[in-house]
Amino acid sequence: MNDKNKAPFKVEDVNWDELSGIGILKDELEQTGELETLLQGEKTGVVSLSLVLLGVDVVMDATLQLVRKNDSPLLEIIGINPTQ
């Protein structure tokens, strides 16, 4: 049996309501072609994020990656250092 095309994560396993609360939208990831990369458990390309974390506006470039934690998907946001 060939599991090569089977993504490690399913779109319905991700809590999109929680992620939309910090500005990460499934539709935007889909439009940019990064949703499939994310569901494969791979790092996305660089995306621009505008997040509200604990009442603070944070604007940053980052890559995203889904990992498993306690058998649930967890989104890692890996910030990109700006070059000077």
C-alpha atoms as a PDB file:
ATOM      1  CA  MET A   1       0.000   0.000   0.000  1.00  0.00           C
ATOM      2  CA  ASN A   2       1.354   3.426  -0.949  1.00  0.00           C
ATOM      3  CA  ASP A   3       1.013   5.991   1.859  1.00  0.00           C
ATOM      4  CA  LYS A   4       3.253   8.496   0.085  1.00  0.00           C
ATOM      5  CA  ASN A   5       0.384  10.917  -0.668  1.00  0.00           C
ATOM      6  CA  LYS A   6      -1.246  10.597   2.746  1.00  0.00           C
ATOM      7  CA  ALA A   7      -0.759  13.772   4.768  1.00  0.00           C
ATOM      8  CA  PRO A   8       0.231  13.309   8.418  1.00  0.00           C
ATOM      9  CA  PHE A   9      -2.363  15.939   9.384  1.00  0.00           C
ATOM     10  CA  LYS A  10      -5.961  16.375   8.271  1.00  0.00           C
ATOM     11  CA  VAL A  11      -7.478  19.796   7.742  1.00  0.00           C
ATOM     12  CA  GLU A  12     -10.283  18.943  10.185  1.00  0.00           C
ATOM     13  CA  ASP A  13      -7.771  18.065  12.947  1.00  0.00           C
ATOM     14  CA  VAL A  14      -6.516  21.659  13.119  1.00  0.00           C
ATOM     15  CA  ASN A  15      -8.350  24.129  15.370  1.00  0.00           C
ATOM     16  CA  TRP A  16      -8.876  26.834  12.736  1.00  0.00           C
ATOM     17  CA  ASP A  17     -11.065  28.918  15.067  1.00  0.00           C
ATOM     18  CA  GLU A  18      -8.190  29.193  17.528  1.00  0.00           C
ATOM     19  CA  LEU A  19      -5.681  30.027  14.795  1.00  0.00           C
ATOM     20  CA  SER A  20      -7.964  32.638  13.227  1.00  0.00           C
ATOM     21  CA  GLY A  21      -8.009  34.335  16.632  1.00  0.00           C
ATOM     22  CA  ILE A  22      -4.321  35.121  16.131  1.00  0.00           C
ATOM     23  CA  GLY A  23      -4.658  35.958  12.440  1.00  0.00           C
ATOM     24  CA  ILE A  24      -3.768  32.639  10.769  1.00  0.00           C
ATOM     25  CA  LEU A  25      -6.533  31.783   8.307  1.00  0.00           C
ATOM     26  CA  LYS A  26      -7.038  28.477   6.518  1.00  0.00           C
ATOM     27  CA  ASP A  27      -8.370  30.220   3.387  1.00  0.00           C
ATOM     28  CA  GLU A  28      -5.270  32.414   3.094  1.00  0.00           C
ATOM     29  CA  LEU A  29      -2.955  29.407   3.484  1.00  0.00           C
ATOM     30  CA  GLU A  30      -4.964  27.602   0.831  1.00  0.00           C
ATOM     31  CA  GLN A  31      -4.779  30.559  -1.578  1.00  0.00           C
ATOM     32  CA  THR A  32      -1.007  30.834  -1.206  1.00  0.00           C
ATOM     33  CA  GLY A  33      -0.552  27.079  -1.673  1.00  0.00           C
ATOM     34  CA  GLU A  34       0.918  26.646   1.819  1.00  0.00           C
ATOM     35  CA  LEU A  35      -1.952  24.624   3.319  1.00  0.00           C
ATOM     36  CA  GLU A  36      -0.832  21.367   1.708  1.00  0.00           C
ATOM     37  CA  THR A  37       2.758  21.941   2.855  1.00  0.00           C
ATOM     38  CA  LEU A  38       1.510  22.540   6.396  1.00  0.00           C
ATOM     39  CA  LEU A  39      -0.644  19.387   6.372  1.00  0.00           C
ATOM     40  CA  GLN A  40       2.391  17.385   5.210  1.00  0.00           C
ATOM     41  CA  GLY A  41       4.157  18.419   8.428  1.00  0.00           C
ATOM     42  CA  GLU A  42       6.726  20.454   6.500  1.00  0.00           C
ATOM     43  CA  LYS A  43       7.759  24.062   7.047  1.00  0.00           C
ATOM     44  CA  THR A  44       5.902  26.534   4.882  1.00  0.00           C
ATOM     45  CA  GLY A  45       7.612  29.229   2.915  1.00  0.00           C
ATOM     46  CA  VAL A  46       7.931  32.602   4.589  1.00  0.00           C
ATOM     47  CA  VAL A  47       4.547  34.148   5.386  1.00  0.00           C
ATOM     48  CA  SER A  48       3.795  37.588   6.776  1.00  0.00           C
ATOM     49  CA  LEU A  49       1.822  37.489   9.985  1.00  0.00           C
ATOM     50  CA  SER A  50      -0.003  40.191  11.865  1.00  0.00           C
ATOM     51  CA  LEU A  51      -0.816  38.676  15.243  1.00  0.00           C
ATOM     52  CA  VAL A  52      -2.422  39.920  18.418  1.00  0.00           C
ATOM     53  CA  LEU A  53      -0.765  38.154  21.330  1.00  0.00           C
ATOM     54  CA  LEU A  54      -1.794  39.054  24.871  1.00  0.00           C
ATOM     55  CA  GLY A  55      -3.075  42.402  23.632  1.00  0.00           C
ATOM     56  CA  VAL A  56       0.118  43.266  21.749  1.00  0.00           C
ATOM     57  CA  ASP A  57       0.157  43.677  17.971  1.00  0.00           C
ATOM     58  CA  VAL A  58       3.020  41.646  16.489  1.00  0.00           C
ATOM     59  CA  VAL A  59       3.951  41.952  12.807  1.00  0.00           C
ATOM     60  CA  MET A  60       6.527  39.434  11.622  1.00  0.00           C
ATOM     61  CA  ASP A  61       7.681  37.160   8.853  1.00  0.00           C
ATOM     62  CA  ALA A  62       7.730  33.498   9.828  1.00  0.00           C
ATOM     63  CA  THR A  63       7.479  29.936   8.643  1.00  0.00           C
ATOM     64  CA  LEU A  64       4.784  27.660  10.016  1.00  0.00           C
ATOM     65  CA  GLN A  65       4.947  23.954  10.779  1.00  0.00           C
ATOM     66  CA  LEU A  66       2.510  21.471  12.268  1.00  0.00           C
ATOM     67  CA  VAL A  67       3.990  19.032  14.773  1.00  0.00           C
ATOM     68  CA  ARG A  68       2.414  16.419  17.021  1.00  0.00           C
ATOM     69  CA  LYS A  69       2.183  17.099  20.739  1.00  0.00           C
ATOM     70  CA  ASN A  70       0.281  14.636  22.911  1.00  0.00           C
ATOM     71  CA  ASP A  71      -1.212  13.162  19.715  1.00  0.00           C
ATOM     72  CA  SER A  72      -2.704  16.535  18.706  1.00  0.00           C
ATOM     73  CA  PRO A  73      -1.503  18.956  16.029  1.00  0.00           C
ATOM     74  CA  LEU A  74       0.401  21.963  17.348  1.00  0.00           C
ATOM     75  CA  LEU A  75       1.343  24.908  15.140  1.00  0.00           C
ATOM     76  CA  GLU A  76       4.924  26.122  15.488  1.00  0.00           C
ATOM     77  CA  ILE A  77       5.596  29.685  14.368  1.00  0.00           C
ATOM     78  CA  ILE A  78       9.272  30.138  13.537  1.00  0.00           C
ATOM     79  CA  GLY A  79      10.139  33.818  13.287  1.00  0.00           C
ATOM     80  CA  ILE A  80      12.528  35.008  10.583  1.00  0.00           C
ATOM     81  CA  ASN A  81      15.353  37.318  11.655  1.00  0.00           C
ATOM     82  CA  PRO A  82      15.386  40.466   9.545  1.00  0.00           C
ATOM     83  CA  THR A  83      18.660  41.106   7.740  1.00  0.00           C
ATOM     84  CA  GLN A  84      20.387  44.401   8.338  1.00  0.00           C
END
